PDB file of N, CA and C in Angstrom:
ATOM      1  N   MET A   1     -50.226 -11.282   3.038  1.00  0.00           N
ATOM      2  CA  MET A   1     -49.551 -10.399   2.084  1.00  0.00           C
ATOM      3  C   MET A   1     -49.322  -9.036   2.603  1.00  0.00           C
ATOM      4  N   LYS A   2     -50.319  -8.534   3.501  1.00  0.00           N
ATOM      5  CA  LYS A   2     -50.051  -7.238   4.024  1.00  0.00           C
ATOM      6  C   LYS A   2     -48.742  -7.172   4.857  1.00  0.00           C
ATOM      7  N   ILE A   3     -48.544  -8.243   5.662  1.00  0.00           N
ATOM      8  CA  ILE A   3     -47.369  -8.328   6.484  1.00  0.00           C
ATOM      9  C   ILE A   3     -46.109  -8.323   5.648  1.00  0.00           C
ATOM     10  N   PHE A   4     -46.133  -9.033   4.551  1.00  0.00           N
ATOM     11  CA  PHE A   4     -44.884  -9.052   3.737  1.00  0.00           C
ATOM     12  C   PHE A   4     -44.670  -7.579   3.080  1.00  0.00           C
ATOM     13  N   PHE A   5     -45.714  -6.880   2.794  1.00  0.00           N
ATOM     14  CA  PHE A   5     -45.645  -5.473   2.190  1.00  0.00           C
ATOM     15  C   PHE A   5     -45.066  -4.572   3.318  1.00  0.00           C
ATOM     16  N   ILE A   6     -45.522  -4.657   4.544  1.00  0.00           N
ATOM     17  CA  ILE A   6     -45.111  -3.841   5.646  1.00  0.00           C
ATOM     18  C   ILE A   6     -43.669  -4.182   5.919  1.00  0.00           C
ATOM     19  N   TYR A   7     -43.311  -5.391   5.919  1.00  0.00           N
ATOM     20  CA  TYR A   7     -41.923  -5.809   6.238  1.00  0.00           C
ATOM     21  C   TYR A   7     -41.027  -5.254   5.118  1.00  0.00           C
ATOM     22  N   ALA A   8     -41.420  -5.338   3.922  1.00  0.00           N
ATOM     23  CA  ALA A   8     -40.622  -4.768   2.798  1.00  0.00           C
ATOM     24  C   ALA A   8     -40.389  -3.334   2.899  1.00  0.00           C
ATOM     25  N   LEU A   9     -41.539  -2.575   3.327  1.00  0.00           N
ATOM     26  CA  LEU A   9     -41.386  -1.153   3.460  1.00  0.00           C
ATOM     27  C   LEU A   9     -40.375  -0.775   4.606  1.00  0.00           C
ATOM     28  N   VAL A  10     -40.498  -1.524   5.684  1.00  0.00           N
ATOM     29  CA  VAL A  10     -39.575  -1.236   6.783  1.00  0.00           C
ATOM     30  C   VAL A  10     -38.152  -1.562   6.401  1.00  0.00           C
ATOM     31  N   LEU A  11     -37.905  -2.662   5.707  1.00  0.00           N
ATOM     32  CA  LEU A  11     -36.588  -3.022   5.266  1.00  0.00           C
ATOM     33  C   LEU A  11     -36.073  -2.013   4.277  1.00  0.00           C
ATOM     34  N   MET A  12     -36.796  -1.529   3.518  1.00  0.00           N
ATOM     35  CA  MET A  12     -36.376  -0.551   2.435  1.00  0.00           C
ATOM     36  C   MET A  12     -36.005   0.782   3.219  1.00  0.00           C
ATOM     37  N   PHE A  13     -36.708   1.140   4.239  1.00  0.00           N
ATOM     38  CA  PHE A  13     -36.359   2.349   4.988  1.00  0.00           C
ATOM     39  C   PHE A  13     -35.049   2.246   5.629  1.00  0.00           C
ATOM     40  N   PHE A  14     -34.766   1.111   6.181  1.00  0.00           N
ATOM     41  CA  PHE A  14     -33.445   0.933   6.833  1.00  0.00           C
ATOM     42  C   PHE A  14     -32.314   0.780   5.916  1.00  0.00           C
ATOM     43  N   ILE A  15     -32.558   0.181   4.716  1.00  0.00           N
ATOM     44  CA  ILE A  15     -31.521   0.166   3.721  1.00  0.00           C
ATOM     45  C   ILE A  15     -31.254   1.372   3.114  1.00  0.00           C
ATOM     46  N   SER A  16     -32.183   2.252   2.924  1.00  0.00           N
ATOM     47  CA  SER A  16     -32.046   3.586   2.256  1.00  0.00           C
ATOM     48  C   SER A  16     -31.383   4.659   3.223  1.00  0.00           C
ATOM     49  N   CYS A  17     -31.265   4.361   4.500  1.00  0.00           N
ATOM     50  CA  CYS A  17     -30.623   5.346   5.400  1.00  0.00           C
ATOM     51  C   CYS A  17     -29.128   5.380   5.071  1.00  0.00           C
ATOM     52  N   ASP A  18     -28.642   6.598   5.171  1.00  0.00           N
ATOM     53  CA  ASP A  18     -27.221   6.852   4.880  1.00  0.00           C
ATOM     54  C   ASP A  18     -26.607   7.213   6.287  1.00  0.00           C
ATOM     55  N   ASP A  19     -25.951   6.276   6.839  1.00  0.00           N
ATOM     56  CA  ASP A  19     -25.340   6.494   8.242  1.00  0.00           C
ATOM     57  C   ASP A  19     -24.082   7.244   8.102  1.00  0.00           C
ATOM     58  N   SER A  20     -23.513   7.425   6.866  1.00  0.00           N
ATOM     59  CA  SER A  20     -22.219   8.234   6.673  1.00  0.00           C
ATOM     60  C   SER A  20     -22.465   9.711   6.725  1.00  0.00           C
ATOM     61  N   ALA A  21     -23.711  10.135   6.478  1.00  0.00           N
ATOM     62  CA  ALA A  21     -24.109  11.512   6.479  1.00  0.00           C
ATOM     63  C   ALA A  21     -24.100  12.054   7.913  1.00  0.00           C
ATOM     64  N   SER A  22     -23.587  13.206   8.186  1.00  0.00           N
ATOM     65  CA  SER A  22     -23.520  13.708   9.490  1.00  0.00           C
ATOM     66  C   SER A  22     -24.511  14.891   9.601  1.00  0.00           C
ATOM     67  N   SER A  23     -25.043  15.145  10.680  1.00  0.00           N
ATOM     68  CA  SER A  23     -25.907  16.256  10.852  1.00  0.00           C
ATOM     69  C   SER A  23     -25.200  17.535  11.302  1.00  0.00           C
ATOM     70  N   SER A  24     -25.939  18.634  11.161  1.00  0.00           N
ATOM     71  CA  SER A  24     -25.352  19.950  11.535  1.00  0.00           C
ATOM     72  C   SER A  24     -25.073  19.885  13.074  1.00  0.00           C
ATOM     73  N   GLY A  25     -24.018  20.554  13.374  1.00  0.00           N
ATOM     74  CA  GLY A  25     -23.604  20.707  14.764  1.00  0.00           C
ATOM     75  C   GLY A  25     -22.720  19.471  15.297  1.00  0.00           C
ATOM     76  N   SER A  26     -22.164  18.701  14.406  1.00  0.00           N
ATOM     77  CA  SER A  26     -21.234  17.628  14.780  1.00  0.00           C
ATOM     78  C   SER A  26     -19.839  17.978  14.584  1.00  0.00           C
ATOM     79  N   CYS A  27     -19.431  19.145  15.080  1.00  0.00           N
ATOM     80  CA  CYS A  27     -18.091  19.657  15.013  1.00  0.00           C
ATOM     81  C   CYS A  27     -17.103  18.589  15.611  1.00  0.00           C
ATOM     82  N   GLY A  28     -16.188  18.314  14.797  1.00  0.00           N
ATOM     83  CA  GLY A  28     -15.123  17.398  15.314  1.00  0.00           C
ATOM     84  C   GLY A  28     -15.087  15.967  14.537  1.00  0.00           C
ATOM     85  N   ASP A  29     -16.042  15.775  13.654  1.00  0.00           N
ATOM     86  CA  ASP A  29     -16.250  14.510  13.064  1.00  0.00           C
ATOM     87  C   ASP A  29     -15.451  14.473  11.664  1.00  0.00           C
ATOM     88  N   GLY A  30     -14.709  15.580  11.230  1.00  0.00           N
ATOM     89  CA  GLY A  30     -13.896  15.657  10.097  1.00  0.00           C
ATOM     90  C   GLY A  30     -14.797  15.899   8.949  1.00  0.00           C
ATOM     91  N   VAL A  31     -16.064  16.228   8.998  1.00  0.00           N
ATOM     92  CA  VAL A  31     -16.948  16.472   7.896  1.00  0.00           C
ATOM     93  C   VAL A  31     -17.416  17.909   8.073  1.00  0.00           C
ATOM     94  N   VAL A  32     -17.311  18.753   7.042  1.00  0.00           N
ATOM     95  CA  VAL A  32     -17.760  20.136   7.072  1.00  0.00           C
ATOM     96  C   VAL A  32     -19.280  20.154   6.905  1.00  0.00           C
ATOM     97  N   ASP A  33     -20.001  20.366   7.976  1.00  0.00           N
ATOM     98  CA  ASP A  33     -21.469  20.315   7.951  1.00  0.00           C
ATOM     99  C   ASP A  33     -21.932  21.758   7.850  1.00  0.00           C
ATOM    100  N   SER A  34     -23.276  21.863   7.701  1.00  0.00           N
ATOM    101  CA  SER A  34     -23.945  23.258   7.626  1.00  0.00           C
ATOM    102  C   SER A  34     -23.616  24.005   8.873  1.00  0.00           C
ATOM    103  N   GLY A  35     -23.211  25.193   8.665  1.00  0.00           N
ATOM    104  CA  GLY A  35     -22.781  26.109   9.843  1.00  0.00           C
ATOM    105  C   GLY A  35     -21.310  25.941  10.297  1.00  0.00           C
ATOM    106  N   GLU A  36     -20.595  25.089   9.606  1.00  0.00           N
ATOM    107  CA  GLU A  36     -19.173  24.934   9.884  1.00  0.00           C
ATOM    108  C   GLU A  36     -18.384  25.410   8.717  1.00  0.00           C
ATOM    109  N   GLU A  37     -17.250  26.031   8.910  1.00  0.00           N
ATOM    110  CA  GLU A  37     -16.381  26.524   7.925  1.00  0.00           C
ATOM    111  C   GLU A  37     -15.303  25.522   7.598  1.00  0.00           C
ATOM    112  N   CYS A  38     -15.015  24.735   8.687  1.00  0.00           N
ATOM    113  CA  CYS A  38     -13.901  23.657   8.579  1.00  0.00           C
ATOM    114  C   CYS A  38     -14.276  22.488   9.620  1.00  0.00           C
ATOM    115  N   ASP A  39     -13.594  21.522   9.606  1.00  0.00           N
ATOM    116  CA  ASP A  39     -13.707  20.479  10.603  1.00  0.00           C
ATOM    117  C   ASP A  39     -12.462  19.683  10.741  1.00  0.00           C
ATOM    118  N   GLY A  40     -11.649  19.936  11.774  1.00  0.00           N
ATOM    119  CA  GLY A  40     -10.330  19.340  11.897  1.00  0.00           C
ATOM    120  C   GLY A  40      -9.467  19.779  10.719  1.00  0.00           C
ATOM    121  N   PRO A  41      -8.871  18.818  10.060  1.00  0.00           N
ATOM    122  CA  PRO A  41      -8.068  19.150   8.824  1.00  0.00           C
ATOM    123  C   PRO A  41      -8.787  19.440   7.503  1.00  0.00           C
ATOM    124  N   ASN A  42     -10.116  19.288   7.627  1.00  0.00           N
ATOM    125  CA  ASN A  42     -10.901  19.500   6.439  1.00  0.00           C
ATOM    126  C   ASN A  42     -11.382  20.956   6.320  1.00  0.00           C
ATOM    127  N   PHE A  43     -10.900  21.624   5.343  1.00  0.00           N
ATOM    128  CA  PHE A  43     -11.283  23.053   5.071  1.00  0.00           C
ATOM    129  C   PHE A  43     -12.132  23.154   3.860  1.00  0.00           C
ATOM    130  N   ASP A  44     -12.670  22.018   3.424  1.00  0.00           N
ATOM    131  CA  ASP A  44     -13.637  22.034   2.295  1.00  0.00           C
ATOM    132  C   ASP A  44     -13.088  22.854   1.071  1.00  0.00           C
ATOM    133  N   GLY A  45     -11.737  22.595   0.789  1.00  0.00           N
ATOM    134  CA  GLY A  45     -11.054  23.136  -0.385  1.00  0.00           C
ATOM    135  C   GLY A  45     -10.640  24.570  -0.131  1.00  0.00           C
ATOM    136  N   ARG A  46     -10.811  25.135   0.955  1.00  0.00           N
ATOM    137  CA  ARG A  46     -10.364  26.512   1.165  1.00  0.00           C
ATOM    138  C   ARG A  46      -8.897  26.699   1.484  1.00  0.00           C
ATOM    139  N   THR A  47      -8.202  27.771   1.145  1.00  0.00           N
ATOM    140  CA  THR A  47      -6.824  28.009   1.412  1.00  0.00           C
ATOM    141  C   THR A  47      -6.659  29.384   1.833  1.00  0.00           C
ATOM    142  N   CYS A  48      -5.425  29.738   2.321  1.00  0.00           N
ATOM    143  CA  CYS A  48      -5.130  31.138   2.691  1.00  0.00           C
ATOM    144  C   CYS A  48      -5.160  31.935   1.427  1.00  0.00           C
ATOM    145  N   GLU A  49      -4.701  31.440   0.368  1.00  0.00           N
ATOM    146  CA  GLU A  49      -4.794  32.150  -0.949  1.00  0.00           C
ATOM    147  C   GLU A  49      -6.191  32.550  -1.354  1.00  0.00           C
ATOM    148  N   GLY A  50      -7.146  31.655  -1.089  1.00  0.00           N
ATOM    149  CA  GLY A  50      -8.522  31.992  -1.349  1.00  0.00           C
ATOM    150  C   GLY A  50      -9.059  33.149  -0.515  1.00  0.00           C
ATOM    151  N   TYR A  51      -8.392  33.349   0.564  1.00  0.00           N
ATOM    152  CA  TYR A  51      -8.876  34.540   1.405  1.00  0.00           C
ATOM    153  C   TYR A  51      -7.959  35.709   1.176  1.00  0.00           C
ATOM    154  N   GLY A  52      -7.188  35.811   0.052  1.00  0.00           N
ATOM    155  CA  GLY A  52      -6.441  36.935  -0.397  1.00  0.00           C
ATOM    156  C   GLY A  52      -5.109  37.013   0.229  1.00  0.00           C
ATOM    157  N   PHE A  53      -4.620  35.950   0.894  1.00  0.00           N
ATOM    158  CA  PHE A  53      -3.208  35.916   1.465  1.00  0.00           C
ATOM    159  C   PHE A  53      -2.220  35.317   0.418  1.00  0.00           C
ATOM    160  N   ILE A  54      -0.992  35.443   0.640  1.00  0.00           N
ATOM    161  CA  ILE A  54      -0.069  34.913  -0.326  1.00  0.00           C
ATOM    162  C   ILE A  54       0.416  33.586   0.039  1.00  0.00           C
ATOM    163  N   GLY A  55       0.022  33.039   1.223  1.00  0.00           N
ATOM    164  CA  GLY A  55       0.438  31.724   1.658  1.00  0.00           C
ATOM    165  C   GLY A  55       0.181  31.527   3.043  1.00  0.00           C
ATOM    166  N   GLY A  56       0.705  30.434   3.615  1.00  0.00           N
ATOM    167  CA  GLY A  56       0.401  30.028   5.010  1.00  0.00           C
ATOM    168  C   GLY A  56      -0.580  28.919   5.087  1.00  0.00           C
ATOM    169  N   ASP A  57      -0.969  28.609   6.289  1.00  0.00           N
ATOM    170  CA  ASP A  57      -1.831  27.447   6.539  1.00  0.00           C
ATOM    171  C   ASP A  57      -3.075  28.021   7.369  1.00  0.00           C
ATOM    172  N   LEU A  58      -4.291  27.556   6.921  1.00  0.00           N
ATOM    173  CA  LEU A  58      -5.541  27.886   7.701  1.00  0.00           C
ATOM    174  C   LEU A  58      -5.526  26.918   8.936  1.00  0.00           C
ATOM    175  N   THR A  59      -6.113  27.456  10.002  1.00  0.00           N
ATOM    176  CA  THR A  59      -6.314  26.550  11.185  1.00  0.00           C
ATOM    177  C   THR A  59      -7.815  26.542  11.436  1.00  0.00           C
ATOM    178  N   CYS A  60      -8.282  25.426  11.988  1.00  0.00           N
ATOM    179  CA  CYS A  60      -9.731  25.257  12.333  1.00  0.00           C
ATOM    180  C   CYS A  60      -9.954  25.386  13.917  1.00  0.00           C
ATOM    181  N   THR A  61     -10.647  26.333  14.339  1.00  0.00           N
ATOM    182  CA  THR A  61     -10.948  26.560  15.728  1.00  0.00           C
ATOM    183  C   THR A  61     -11.722  25.428  16.359  1.00  0.00           C
ATOM    184  N   GLU A  62     -11.922  25.334  17.579  1.00  0.00           N
ATOM    185  CA  GLU A  62     -12.611  24.209  18.304  1.00  0.00           C
ATOM    186  C   GLU A  62     -14.129  24.303  18.003  1.00  0.00           C
ATOM    187  N   ASN A  63     -14.544  25.448  17.532  1.00  0.00           N
ATOM    188  CA  ASN A  63     -16.046  25.503  17.145  1.00  0.00           C
ATOM    189  C   ASN A  63     -16.143  25.474  15.565  1.00  0.00           C
ATOM    190  N   CYS A  64     -15.217  24.888  14.932  1.00  0.00           N
ATOM    191  CA  CYS A  64     -15.239  24.630  13.501  1.00  0.00           C
ATOM    192  C   CYS A  64     -15.377  25.909  12.636  1.00  0.00           C
ATOM    193  N   GLN A  65     -14.632  26.911  13.012  1.00  0.00           N
ATOM    194  CA  GLN A  65     -14.583  28.058  12.310  1.00  0.00           C
ATOM    195  C   GLN A  65     -13.088  28.353  11.745  1.00  0.00           C
ATOM    196  N   ILE A  66     -12.953  28.898  10.560  1.00  0.00           N
ATOM    197  CA  ILE A  66     -11.646  29.053  10.005  1.00  0.00           C
ATOM    198  C   ILE A  66     -10.872  30.223  10.646  1.00  0.00           C
ATOM    199  N   SER A  67      -9.693  29.991  10.999  1.00  0.00           N
ATOM    200  CA  SER A  67      -8.803  31.057  11.468  1.00  0.00           C
ATOM    201  C   SER A  67      -7.733  31.307  10.448  1.00  0.00           C
ATOM    202  N   THR A  68      -7.510  32.565  10.081  1.00  0.00           N
ATOM    203  CA  THR A  68      -6.439  32.892   9.103  1.00  0.00           C
ATOM    204  C   THR A  68      -5.164  33.480   9.867  1.00  0.00           C
ATOM    205  N   ASP A  69      -5.048  33.231  11.116  1.00  0.00           N
ATOM    206  CA  ASP A  69      -3.941  33.857  11.833  1.00  0.00           C
ATOM    207  C   ASP A  69      -2.609  33.321  11.454  1.00  0.00           C
ATOM    208  N   SER A  70      -2.560  32.191  10.855  1.00  0.00           N
ATOM    209  CA  SER A  70      -1.304  31.708  10.316  1.00  0.00           C
ATOM    210  C   SER A  70      -1.050  31.865   8.846  1.00  0.00           C
ATOM    211  N   CYS A  71      -1.933  32.667   8.256  1.00  0.00           N
ATOM    212  CA  CYS A  71      -1.752  32.968   6.806  1.00  0.00           C
ATOM    213  C   CYS A  71      -0.836  34.159   6.681  1.00  0.00           C
ATOM    214  N   VAL A  72      -0.071  34.319   5.611  1.00  0.00           N
ATOM    215  CA  VAL A  72       0.891  35.318   5.430  1.00  0.00           C
ATOM    216  C   VAL A  72       0.171  36.403   4.509  1.00  0.00           C
ATOM    217  N   ALA A  73       0.130  37.669   4.961  1.00  0.00           N
ATOM    218  CA  ALA A  73      -0.685  38.739   4.259  1.00  0.00           C
ATOM    219  C   ALA A  73       0.078  39.249   3.152  1.00  0.00           C
ATOM    220  N   ASN A  74       1.402  39.359   3.201  1.00  0.00           N
ATOM    221  CA  ASN A  74       2.068  39.886   2.060  1.00  0.00           C
ATOM    222  C   ASN A  74       3.584  39.439   2.202  1.00  0.00           C
ATOM    223  N   GLY A  75       4.319  39.672   1.173  1.00  0.00           N
ATOM    224  CA  GLY A  75       5.704  39.265   1.272  1.00  0.00           C
ATOM    225  C   GLY A  75       6.423  39.972   2.495  1.00  0.00           C
ATOM    226  N   GLY A  76       7.430  39.419   2.920  1.00  0.00           N
ATOM    227  CA  GLY A  76       8.223  39.766   4.049  1.00  0.00           C
ATOM    228  C   GLY A  76       8.579  38.742   5.030  1.00  0.00           C
ATOM    229  N   CYS A  77       8.998  39.141   6.148  1.00  0.00           N
ATOM    230  CA  CYS A  77       9.475  38.127   7.127  1.00  0.00           C
ATOM    231  C   CYS A  77       8.320  37.231   7.464  1.00  0.00           C
ATOM    232  N   GLY A  78       8.498  35.959   7.451  1.00  0.00           N
ATOM    233  CA  GLY A  78       7.534  34.925   7.783  1.00  0.00           C
ATOM    234  C   GLY A  78       6.875  34.218   6.651  1.00  0.00           C
ATOM    235  N   ASP A  79       7.220  34.721   5.434  1.00  0.00           N
ATOM    236  CA  ASP A  79       6.639  34.003   4.243  1.00  0.00           C
ATOM    237  C   ASP A  79       7.496  32.876   3.692  1.00  0.00           C
ATOM    238  N   GLY A  80       8.678  32.572   4.363  1.00  0.00           N
ATOM    239  CA  GLY A  80       9.451  31.501   3.823  1.00  0.00           C
ATOM    240  C   GLY A  80      10.370  31.771   2.666  1.00  0.00           C
ATOM    241  N   VAL A  81      10.440  32.994   2.309  1.00  0.00           N
ATOM    242  CA  VAL A  81      11.226  33.418   1.064  1.00  0.00           C
ATOM    243  C   VAL A  81      12.145  34.530   1.525  1.00  0.00           C
ATOM    244  N   VAL A  82      13.529  34.270   1.263  1.00  0.00           N
ATOM    245  CA  VAL A  82      14.434  35.287   1.590  1.00  0.00           C
ATOM    246  C   VAL A  82      14.343  36.453   0.531  1.00  0.00           C
ATOM    247  N   GLN A  83      14.024  37.572   1.073  1.00  0.00           N
ATOM    248  CA  GLN A  83      13.883  38.836   0.230  1.00  0.00           C
ATOM    249  C   GLN A  83      14.970  39.869   0.454  1.00  0.00           C
ATOM    250  N   ALA A  84      16.012  39.757  -0.324  1.00  0.00           N
ATOM    251  CA  ALA A  84      17.153  40.614  -0.199  1.00  0.00           C
ATOM    252  C   ALA A  84      16.743  42.172  -0.210  1.00  0.00           C
ATOM    253  N   GLU A  85      15.703  42.413  -1.043  1.00  0.00           N
ATOM    254  CA  GLU A  85      15.293  43.999  -1.094  1.00  0.00           C
ATOM    255  C   GLU A  85      14.741  44.380   0.196  1.00  0.00           C
ATOM    256  N   ASP A  86      14.377  43.367   1.073  1.00  0.00           N
ATOM    257  CA  ASP A  86      13.873  43.750   2.484  1.00  0.00           C
ATOM    258  C   ASP A  86      14.915  43.533   3.506  1.00  0.00           C
ATOM    259  N   ASN A  87      16.228  43.363   3.063  1.00  0.00           N
ATOM    260  CA  ASN A  87      17.271  43.104   3.915  1.00  0.00           C
ATOM    261  C   ASN A  87      17.141  41.930   4.744  1.00  0.00           C
ATOM    262  N   GLU A  88      16.458  40.801   4.235  1.00  0.00           N
ATOM    263  CA  GLU A  88      16.292  39.490   4.984  1.00  0.00           C
ATOM    264  C   GLU A  88      17.647  38.693   4.547  1.00  0.00           C
ATOM    265  N   GLU A  89      18.058  38.100   5.643  1.00  0.00           N
ATOM    266  CA  GLU A  89      19.216  37.234   5.426  1.00  0.00           C
ATOM    267  C   GLU A  89      18.696  35.759   5.503  1.00  0.00           C
ATOM    268  N   CYS A  90      17.609  35.487   6.153  1.00  0.00           N
ATOM    269  CA  CYS A  90      16.938  34.169   6.148  1.00  0.00           C
ATOM    270  C   CYS A  90      15.481  34.524   6.391  1.00  0.00           C
ATOM    271  N   ASP A  91      14.640  33.367   6.232  1.00  0.00           N
ATOM    272  CA  ASP A  91      13.238  33.488   6.491  1.00  0.00           C
ATOM    273  C   ASP A  91      12.723  32.095   6.888  1.00  0.00           C
ATOM    274  N   GLY A  92      12.633  31.761   8.080  1.00  0.00           N
ATOM    275  CA  GLY A  92      12.210  30.434   8.464  1.00  0.00           C
ATOM    276  C   GLY A  92      13.264  29.426   8.116  1.00  0.00           C
ATOM    277  N   ALA A  93      12.927  28.359   7.420  1.00  0.00           N
ATOM    278  CA  ALA A  93      13.971  27.340   6.943  1.00  0.00           C
ATOM    279  C   ALA A  93      14.714  27.809   5.734  1.00  0.00           C
ATOM    280  N   ALA A  94      14.364  28.868   5.042  1.00  0.00           N
ATOM    281  CA  ALA A  94      15.044  29.394   3.925  1.00  0.00           C
ATOM    282  C   ALA A  94      16.239  30.210   4.444  1.00  0.00           C
ATOM    283  N   LEU A  95      17.481  29.742   4.171  1.00  0.00           N
ATOM    284  CA  LEU A  95      18.624  30.461   4.758  1.00  0.00           C
ATOM    285  C   LEU A  95      19.360  31.240   3.776  1.00  0.00           C
ATOM    286  N   GLY A  96      18.822  31.445   2.624  1.00  0.00           N
ATOM    287  CA  GLY A  96      19.552  32.246   1.567  1.00  0.00           C
ATOM    288  C   GLY A  96      20.912  31.781   1.192  1.00  0.00           C
ATOM    289  N   GLY A  97      21.125  30.510   1.307  1.00  0.00           N
ATOM    290  CA  GLY A  97      22.492  30.069   0.971  1.00  0.00           C
ATOM    291  C   GLY A  97      23.457  30.052   2.011  1.00  0.00           C
ATOM    292  N   ALA A  98      23.106  30.593   3.201  1.00  0.00           N
ATOM    293  CA  ALA A  98      24.097  30.773   4.246  1.00  0.00           C
ATOM    294  C   ALA A  98      24.314  29.377   4.941  1.00  0.00           C
ATOM    295  N   ARG A  99      25.506  29.231   5.354  1.00  0.00           N
ATOM    296  CA  ARG A  99      25.928  27.972   6.129  1.00  0.00           C
ATOM    297  C   ARG A  99      26.730  28.494   7.234  1.00  0.00           C
ATOM    298  N   CYS A 100      26.983  27.604   8.230  1.00  0.00           N
ATOM    299  CA  CYS A 100      27.714  27.943   9.413  1.00  0.00           C
ATOM    300  C   CYS A 100      29.020  28.432   9.047  1.00  0.00           C
ATOM    301  N   GLU A 101      29.706  27.831   7.970  1.00  0.00           N
ATOM    302  CA  GLU A 101      31.046  28.232   7.633  1.00  0.00           C
ATOM    303  C   GLU A 101      31.041  29.660   7.068  1.00  0.00           C
ATOM    304  N   SER A 102      29.994  30.032   6.356  1.00  0.00           N
ATOM    305  CA  SER A 102      29.970  31.436   5.658  1.00  0.00           C
ATOM    306  C   SER A 102      29.681  32.463   6.782  1.00  0.00           C
ATOM    307  N   LYS A 103      29.297  31.925   7.960  1.00  0.00           N
ATOM    308  CA  LYS A 103      29.135  33.011   9.074  1.00  0.00           C
ATOM    309  C   LYS A 103      30.323  32.975  10.077  1.00  0.00           C
ATOM    310  N   GLY A 104      31.422  32.145   9.606  1.00  0.00           N
ATOM    311  CA  GLY A 104      32.591  32.169  10.493  1.00  0.00           C
ATOM    312  C   GLY A 104      32.646  31.032  11.547  1.00  0.00           C
ATOM    313  N   PHE A 105      31.730  30.061  11.355  1.00  0.00           N
ATOM    314  CA  PHE A 105      31.763  29.011  12.337  1.00  0.00           C
ATOM    315  C   PHE A 105      32.295  27.609  11.633  1.00  0.00           C
ATOM    316  N   ASP A 106      32.679  26.830  12.518  1.00  0.00           N
ATOM    317  CA  ASP A 106      33.184  25.407  11.869  1.00  0.00           C
ATOM    318  C   ASP A 106      32.141  24.596  11.440  1.00  0.00           C
TER     319      ASP A 106
END
């Protein structure tokens, strides 16, 4: 009976282990662990807007820390919106209705 009890305890231990949980310091596994701000494409729900920017994309450094270098701080060139009041004719893929023909090309 003792052997059965010990066997049952050992079996319960292995069944109760969660192999999907990762430990701290496993940067690169896609799971935001303790001490990490991000992990690959996983930003744990964080966005540029959450850091006070008006848009853009967060990036994750090789040591799993968030970089806001690609976030847009305020309106203007680089925010993807043509702002005529700032004398923009285009902004990234936003061409403000311009076409080759409207610029004198075929």
